[in-house]
Amino acid sequence: MMNLKFELKKEETTNFEEAVRKAAEFLKRENNFCFLCHKNLDGDTIGASFALHYALKGLNKNSIVKTFENEFSEKFSFVYPEEEKSKDENFKVEHYVTVDVADFKLLEDEFHNKEFSLCIDHHKTNNINAKLKCVDFTKAASCEIVYHILKELNLNFTKKIADCLYLGISTDTGCFKYENTTAKTHIIAADLILNGANHTYINYVMFDKKSKERLSLEKEIIENLEYYYEEKCVMVFVTNEILKKAGVLKKEQDSIAHIASCVDFAVIAITAVEVLDGFKISVRTKKNCDANCFCKRLGGGGHKRAAGCLIKGDIEFARKTLLKNLKEEFSF
């Protein structure tokens, strides 16, 4: 059998190289870290944070991963420490590091006034004020950036680290289908597989495994799709009534935004999920429609092809607000 060795060419962006070098030096020099994940836990924030945690553990350093309100999803259980999911380490945190966090509002209130030592992210809208920033919105995922940082540290990737990084890259690229996927993304993924990442299991759990309640929710979403502006826009409101009818748990509501985006003739797909004070909006776009620009109008942000925001109010107000801003942003 042929042995394949994948190598990344030297990064063209000097600023990124320098940021990676400084981030690696900081992690190697300091100790007692707290890695902060963003609200609405996803594979990239949790994967990147735990990859850093395990890497530093291998360097005999202290670290802890803090999720929003101590949220831990069973879906991501394979990246958590085997002994326990959440643990208060016996050390005083000296450095707070935000991981895949674009806005401080995505952190718990207690961290809003903290001094951040390092920010690792790939969102164009990043506004985190940190002493060091390793941010590059051309990267498919924050896990891609962490991959480069760990390589700079000359660490051997354990299977656990490889699983964590593969998780974030796979989920943030939609299993390598999204526009943000590059040749380098595939090379990194291949390297992670060579280092033991269980890509078959991870992709099954993230994209294919579904309960009958989740399938019922998808059926409700398909039946409630709304079309606007000569069907260029598809929209769906996932109300509490729909969620109750389907009987889904919160953990089974992840990644439903892709359902509306599957409509072939629509260039923008909007999924609005009812929350306590309004609707959580997820936007997916094709062609020349920028999801990030659209959501910024409504106080949110994200990426060109995937972004989100929150609209406070009832369903009619949310619908009117979305349609008005769609017309203004895209000249429908």
Protein backbone atom coordinates (compact mmCIF):
# COMPACT_ATOMS: atom_id res chain seq x y z
CA MET A 1 0.00 0.00 0.00
CA MET A 2 1.30 3.46 -0.89
CA ASN A 3 2.13 5.78 1.98
CA LEU A 4 0.77 9.24 1.32
CA LYS A 5 2.24 12.29 3.03
CA PHE A 6 0.23 15.48 2.75
CA GLU A 7 1.98 18.80 3.17
CA LEU A 8 0.62 22.31 3.20
CA LYS A 9 2.50 24.89 1.23
CA LYS A 10 3.73 27.87 3.19
CA GLU A 11 0.92 30.29 3.97
CA GLU A 12 0.84 33.21 1.57
CA THR A 13 -0.58 35.61 4.13
CA THR A 14 2.38 36.89 6.13
CA ASN A 15 0.06 38.46 8.71
CA PHE A 16 -1.59 35.11 9.36
CA GLU A 17 1.79 33.37 9.71
CA GLU A 18 2.85 35.96 12.25
CA ALA A 19 -0.43 35.69 14.17
CA VAL A 20 -0.10 31.90 14.32
CA ARG A 21 3.51 32.18 15.52
CA LYS A 22 2.61 34.66 18.26
CA ALA A 23 -0.39 32.58 19.38
CA ALA A 24 1.80 29.46 19.60
CA GLU A 25 4.50 31.31 21.52
CA PHE A 26 1.90 32.66 23.95
CA LEU A 27 0.41 29.21 24.60
CA LYS A 28 3.87 27.70 25.06
CA ARG A 29 5.05 30.47 27.39
CA GLU A 30 2.01 30.95 29.65
CA ASN A 31 -0.18 28.67 31.77
CA ASN A 32 -3.63 28.38 33.39
CA PHE A 33 -5.98 28.94 30.45
CA CYS A 34 -9.76 29.11 30.12
CA PHE A 35 -11.05 28.51 26.59
CA LEU A 36 -14.43 30.17 26.03
CA CYS A 37 -17.00 28.75 23.61
CA HIS A 38 -19.83 30.77 22.11
CA LYS A 39 -23.54 30.59 22.80
CA ASN A 40 -25.47 27.99 20.77
CA LEU A 41 -22.73 25.39 20.88
CA ASP A 42 -21.51 24.04 17.55
CA GLY A 43 -18.82 21.67 16.34
CA ASP A 44 -16.26 24.34 15.54
CA THR A 45 -16.24 26.19 18.86
CA ILE A 46 -16.27 22.99 20.94
CA GLY A 47 -13.84 21.12 18.67
CA ALA A 48 -11.28 23.94 18.55
CA SER A 49 -11.51 24.56 22.30
CA PHE A 50 -11.01 20.94 23.30
CA ALA A 51 -8.23 20.46 20.72
CA LEU A 52 -6.37 23.28 22.46
CA HIS A 53 -7.20 21.82 25.88
CA TYR A 54 -5.78 18.38 25.01
CA ALA A 55 -2.74 19.88 23.30
CA LEU A 56 -1.85 21.95 26.35
CA LYS A 57 -2.49 18.98 28.62
CA GLY A 58 0.20 17.22 26.61
CA LEU A 59 2.52 20.12 27.47
CA ASN A 60 1.68 19.69 31.19
CA LYS A 61 -0.25 22.94 31.31
CA ASN A 62 -3.54 23.72 33.06
CA SER A 63 -6.62 24.57 31.05
CA ILE A 64 -10.39 24.29 31.13
CA VAL A 65 -13.10 24.64 28.47
CA LYS A 66 -16.08 26.83 29.43
CA THR A 67 -19.27 26.52 27.43
CA PHE A 68 -22.19 28.94 27.58
CA GLU A 69 -24.11 28.19 30.79
CA ASN A 70 -22.16 24.92 31.03
CA GLU A 71 -23.97 23.50 28.01
CA PHE A 72 -22.77 20.09 26.87
CA SER A 73 -24.39 18.28 23.98
CA GLU A 74 -24.50 14.50 23.81
CA LYS A 75 -23.85 14.79 20.08
CA PHE A 76 -20.34 16.04 20.80
CA SER A 77 -19.67 13.55 23.60
CA PHE A 78 -16.77 11.90 21.76
CA VAL A 79 -14.64 15.05 22.14
CA TYR A 80 -15.25 15.48 25.88
CA PRO A 81 -12.83 14.16 28.53
CA GLU A 82 -13.57 10.52 29.21
CA GLU A 83 -13.55 10.88 32.99
CA GLU A 84 -16.25 13.59 33.07
CA LYS A 85 -17.85 16.17 30.82
CA SER A 86 -17.29 19.28 32.88
CA LYS A 87 -14.74 19.83 35.62
CA ASP A 88 -13.62 22.76 37.74
CA GLU A 89 -9.87 22.49 37.62
CA ASN A 90 -7.85 23.17 40.75
CA PHE A 91 -6.08 26.26 39.44
CA LYS A 92 -6.67 29.97 39.11
CA VAL A 93 -7.35 31.08 35.55
CA GLU A 94 -4.75 33.55 34.34
CA HIS A 95 -5.68 33.78 30.66
CA TYR A 96 -9.08 33.84 28.96
CA VAL A 97 -9.07 32.77 25.32
CA THR A 98 -12.11 33.16 23.06
CA VAL A 99 -12.47 30.42 20.46
CA ASP A 100 -14.73 30.87 17.41
CA VAL A 101 -16.47 33.77 19.19
CA ALA A 102 -17.24 36.65 16.83
CA ASP A 103 -18.99 38.92 19.32
CA PHE A 104 -18.66 39.32 23.10
CA LYS A 105 -22.48 39.16 23.29
CA LEU A 106 -22.14 35.44 22.53
CA LEU A 107 -20.44 34.98 25.90
CA GLU A 108 -22.04 34.85 29.33
CA ASP A 109 -22.42 38.20 31.09
CA GLU A 110 -19.71 37.34 33.64
CA PHE A 111 -17.11 37.36 30.84
CA HIS A 112 -18.10 40.65 29.19
CA ASN A 113 -15.66 42.64 31.33
CA LYS A 114 -12.86 40.10 31.32
CA GLU A 115 -9.53 40.84 29.72
CA PHE A 116 -9.00 38.41 26.85
CA SER A 117 -5.43 37.30 26.25
CA LEU A 118 -6.05 35.65 22.90
CA CYS A 119 -8.84 35.52 20.31
CA ILE A 120 -8.96 32.70 17.74
CA ASP A 121 -11.66 33.06 15.10
CA HIS A 122 -12.57 32.98 11.41
CA HIS A 123 -15.57 35.32 11.32
CA LYS A 124 -15.33 38.49 9.25
CA THR A 125 -17.50 40.29 11.82
CA ASN A 126 -15.18 39.55 14.76
CA ASN A 127 -15.19 42.42 17.28
CA ILE A 128 -13.46 40.77 20.25
CA ASN A 129 -10.91 43.01 21.92
CA ALA A 130 -7.95 40.81 22.90
CA LYS A 131 -4.24 41.33 23.53
CA LEU A 132 -3.47 38.85 20.76
CA LYS A 133 -5.71 38.06 17.81
CA CYS A 134 -5.38 35.12 15.45
CA VAL A 135 -8.29 35.81 13.11
CA ASP A 136 -8.53 34.90 9.43
CA PHE A 137 -11.93 34.88 7.74
CA THR A 138 -10.51 33.06 4.68
CA LYS A 139 -10.21 29.91 6.79
CA ALA A 140 -13.13 27.48 6.63
CA ALA A 141 -13.26 27.01 10.39
CA SER A 142 -11.58 28.08 13.61
CA CYS A 143 -10.36 24.49 13.80
CA GLU A 144 -8.30 25.18 10.67
CA ILE A 145 -6.57 28.01 12.52
CA VAL A 146 -6.01 25.87 15.62
CA TYR A 147 -4.52 23.19 13.35
CA HIS A 148 -1.88 25.67 12.19
CA ILE A 149 -1.18 26.82 15.77
CA LEU A 150 -0.66 23.25 16.97
CA LYS A 151 1.59 22.53 13.99
CA GLU A 152 3.62 25.60 14.93
CA LEU A 153 4.01 24.05 18.41
CA ASN A 154 5.39 20.89 16.74
CA LEU A 155 2.90 18.72 18.60
CA ASN A 156 2.08 15.15 17.71
CA PHE A 157 -1.66 14.94 17.09
CA THR A 158 -3.40 12.36 19.25
CA LYS A 159 -6.56 10.71 17.97
CA LYS A 160 -8.57 12.91 20.35
CA ILE A 161 -7.05 16.11 18.96
CA ALA A 162 -7.59 14.87 15.40
CA ASP A 163 -11.25 14.07 16.16
CA CYS A 164 -11.79 17.55 17.66
CA LEU A 165 -10.28 19.39 14.72
CA TYR A 166 -12.01 17.22 12.11
CA LEU A 167 -15.34 17.83 13.86
CA GLY A 168 -15.05 21.61 13.56
CA ILE A 169 -13.87 21.58 9.96
CA SER A 170 -16.51 19.10 8.83
CA THR A 171 -19.43 20.88 10.50
CA ASP A 172 -18.42 24.39 9.42
CA THR A 173 -18.05 23.28 5.79
CA GLY A 174 -21.32 21.32 5.73
CA CYS A 175 -19.36 18.09 5.29
CA PHE A 176 -17.07 19.86 2.79
CA LYS A 177 -19.93 21.10 0.59
CA TYR A 178 -19.89 24.82 1.38
CA GLU A 179 -18.12 27.48 -0.63
CA ASN A 180 -15.63 28.08 2.19
CA THR A 181 -14.06 24.65 1.54
CA THR A 182 -10.66 24.96 -0.13
CA ALA A 183 -8.01 22.54 -1.34
CA LYS A 184 -6.09 23.28 1.86
CA THR A 185 -9.19 22.36 3.88
CA HIS A 186 -9.16 18.92 2.27
CA ILE A 187 -5.42 18.52 2.84
CA ILE A 188 -5.83 19.36 6.52
CA ALA A 189 -8.75 16.93 6.80
CA ALA A 190 -6.67 14.22 5.14
CA ASP A 191 -3.84 14.83 7.62
CA LEU A 192 -6.29 14.58 10.51
CA ILE A 193 -7.61 11.27 9.17
CA LEU A 194 -4.01 10.00 8.91
CA ASN A 195 -3.67 10.97 12.58
CA GLY A 196 -6.69 8.89 13.58
CA ALA A 197 -9.75 11.12 13.12
CA ASN A 198 -12.81 8.88 12.86
CA HIS A 199 -14.30 10.70 9.88
CA THR A 200 -16.92 8.04 9.16
CA TYR A 201 -18.40 8.21 12.66
CA ILE A 202 -18.16 11.99 12.95
CA ASN A 203 -19.90 12.66 9.64
CA TYR A 204 -22.61 10.11 10.40
CA VAL A 205 -23.40 11.63 13.81
CA MET A 206 -23.25 15.22 12.54
CA PHE A 207 -25.16 14.85 9.27
CA ASP A 208 -27.05 11.56 8.96
CA LYS A 209 -28.12 10.27 12.38
CA LYS A 210 -31.72 11.32 13.12
CA SER A 211 -34.44 10.35 15.55
CA LYS A 212 -38.03 9.85 14.41
CA GLU A 213 -38.86 13.13 16.21
CA ARG A 214 -36.22 14.94 14.17
CA LEU A 215 -37.65 13.47 10.97
CA SER A 216 -41.08 14.64 12.06
CA LEU A 217 -39.69 18.15 12.54
CA GLU A 218 -38.16 18.11 9.06
CA LYS A 219 -41.55 17.07 7.65
CA GLU A 220 -43.20 20.04 9.40
CA ILE A 221 -40.57 22.42 8.08
CA ILE A 222 -41.00 21.23 4.49
CA GLU A 223 -44.79 21.55 4.75
CA ASN A 224 -44.52 25.12 6.11
CA LEU A 225 -42.10 26.61 3.58
CA GLU A 226 -43.10 30.06 2.30
CA TYR A 227 -41.94 31.54 -1.01
CA TYR A 228 -41.40 35.23 -1.80
CA TYR A 229 -40.07 37.53 -4.50
CA GLU A 230 -40.70 35.24 -7.45
CA GLU A 231 -39.51 32.31 -5.34
CA LYS A 232 -36.01 33.75 -5.02
CA CYS A 233 -36.51 33.61 -1.28
CA VAL A 234 -37.73 30.64 0.75
CA MET A 235 -38.66 31.17 4.38
CA VAL A 236 -39.96 29.00 7.20
CA PHE A 237 -41.11 29.84 10.72
CA VAL A 238 -40.47 27.05 13.20
CA THR A 239 -42.88 27.98 15.99
CA ASN A 240 -43.17 26.51 19.46
CA GLU A 241 -46.32 24.81 18.25
CA ILE A 242 -44.38 23.03 15.50
CA LEU A 243 -41.60 22.05 17.90
CA LYS A 244 -44.13 20.70 20.38
CA LYS A 245 -45.99 18.78 17.68
CA ALA A 246 -42.76 17.14 16.50
CA GLY A 247 -41.74 16.39 20.07
CA VAL A 248 -38.10 17.27 19.48
CA LEU A 249 -35.61 18.06 22.19
CA LYS A 250 -33.39 21.12 21.92
CA LYS A 251 -30.39 18.99 20.96
CA GLU A 252 -32.33 17.72 17.93
CA GLN A 253 -32.96 21.21 16.56
CA ASP A 254 -29.39 21.71 15.35
CA SER A 255 -28.62 22.23 11.67
CA ILE A 256 -32.21 22.65 10.50
CA ALA A 257 -31.29 25.73 8.44
CA HIS A 258 -30.00 23.53 5.63
CA ILE A 259 -33.52 22.18 4.93
CA ALA A 260 -34.87 25.37 3.36
CA SER A 261 -31.54 25.98 1.62
CA CYS A 262 -32.03 22.77 -0.38
CA VAL A 263 -34.71 24.43 -2.54
CA ASP A 264 -32.93 24.59 -5.89
CA PHE A 265 -34.36 27.83 -7.32
CA ALA A 266 -34.11 29.95 -4.16
CA VAL A 267 -31.02 32.15 -3.72
CA ILE A 268 -31.71 32.96 -0.08
CA ALA A 269 -33.19 30.67 2.57
CA ILE A 270 -34.35 31.89 5.96
CA THR A 271 -35.18 29.67 8.94
CA ALA A 272 -36.78 31.48 11.88
CA VAL A 273 -37.01 29.48 15.11
CA GLU A 274 -39.21 30.81 17.91
CA VAL A 275 -37.32 31.58 21.12
CA LEU A 276 -38.25 33.26 24.39
CA ASP A 277 -38.33 36.86 23.13
CA GLY A 278 -38.77 36.49 19.38
CA PHE A 279 -37.23 34.50 16.54
CA LYS A 280 -33.67 33.25 16.04
CA ILE A 281 -32.91 33.78 12.36
CA SER A 282 -30.57 31.57 10.31
CA VAL A 283 -29.79 32.69 6.76
CA ARG A 284 -28.22 30.64 3.97
CA THR A 285 -27.46 32.15 0.55
CA LYS A 286 -26.32 31.27 -2.96
CA LYS A 287 -24.87 33.23 -5.87
CA ASN A 288 -24.38 36.94 -5.17
CA CYS A 289 -26.46 37.23 -1.98
CA ASP A 290 -24.36 38.00 1.09
CA ALA A 291 -25.90 36.49 4.26
CA ASN A 292 -23.51 38.41 6.51
CA CYS A 293 -24.46 41.82 5.05
CA PHE A 294 -28.15 40.99 5.35
CA CYS A 295 -27.91 39.88 8.99
CA LYS A 296 -25.78 42.88 9.94
CA ARG A 297 -28.78 45.06 9.04
CA LEU A 298 -30.63 43.24 11.80
CA GLY A 299 -27.89 43.34 14.41
CA GLY A 300 -26.34 39.97 13.62
CA GLY A 301 -23.62 38.66 11.34
CA GLY A 302 -21.63 35.63 10.28
CA HIS A 303 -20.30 34.50 6.92
CA LYS A 304 -21.11 35.30 3.28
CA ARG A 305 -23.13 32.13 2.81
CA ALA A 306 -24.30 31.54 6.39
CA ALA A 307 -25.23 34.10 9.02
CA GLY A 308 -27.76 34.76 11.76
CA CYS A 309 -29.49 37.32 13.95
CA LEU A 310 -32.34 37.74 16.42
CA ILE A 311 -35.63 39.54 15.76
CA LYS A 312 -37.64 40.38 18.85
CA GLY A 313 -41.40 40.30 18.43
CA ASP A 314 -44.19 38.06 17.21
CA ILE A 315 -44.27 36.08 13.98
CA GLU A 316 -46.01 38.77 11.91
CA PHE A 317 -43.49 41.41 12.98
CA ALA A 318 -40.60 39.05 12.21
CA ARG A 319 -42.01 38.21 8.77
CA LYS A 320 -42.58 41.88 7.85
CA THR A 321 -39.12 42.85 9.11
CA LEU A 322 -37.46 40.12 7.08
CA LEU A 323 -39.36 40.88 3.88
CA LYS A 324 -38.71 44.62 4.17
CA ASN A 325 -34.98 44.13 4.67
CA LEU A 326 -34.78 41.51 1.92
CA LYS A 327 -36.24 43.97 -0.55
CA GLU A 328 -33.90 46.74 0.55
CA GLU A 329 -30.75 44.61 0.67
CA PHE A 330 -31.20 42.59 -2.53
CA SER A 331 -33.52 44.86 -4.55
CA PHE A 332 -36.10 42.10 -4.97
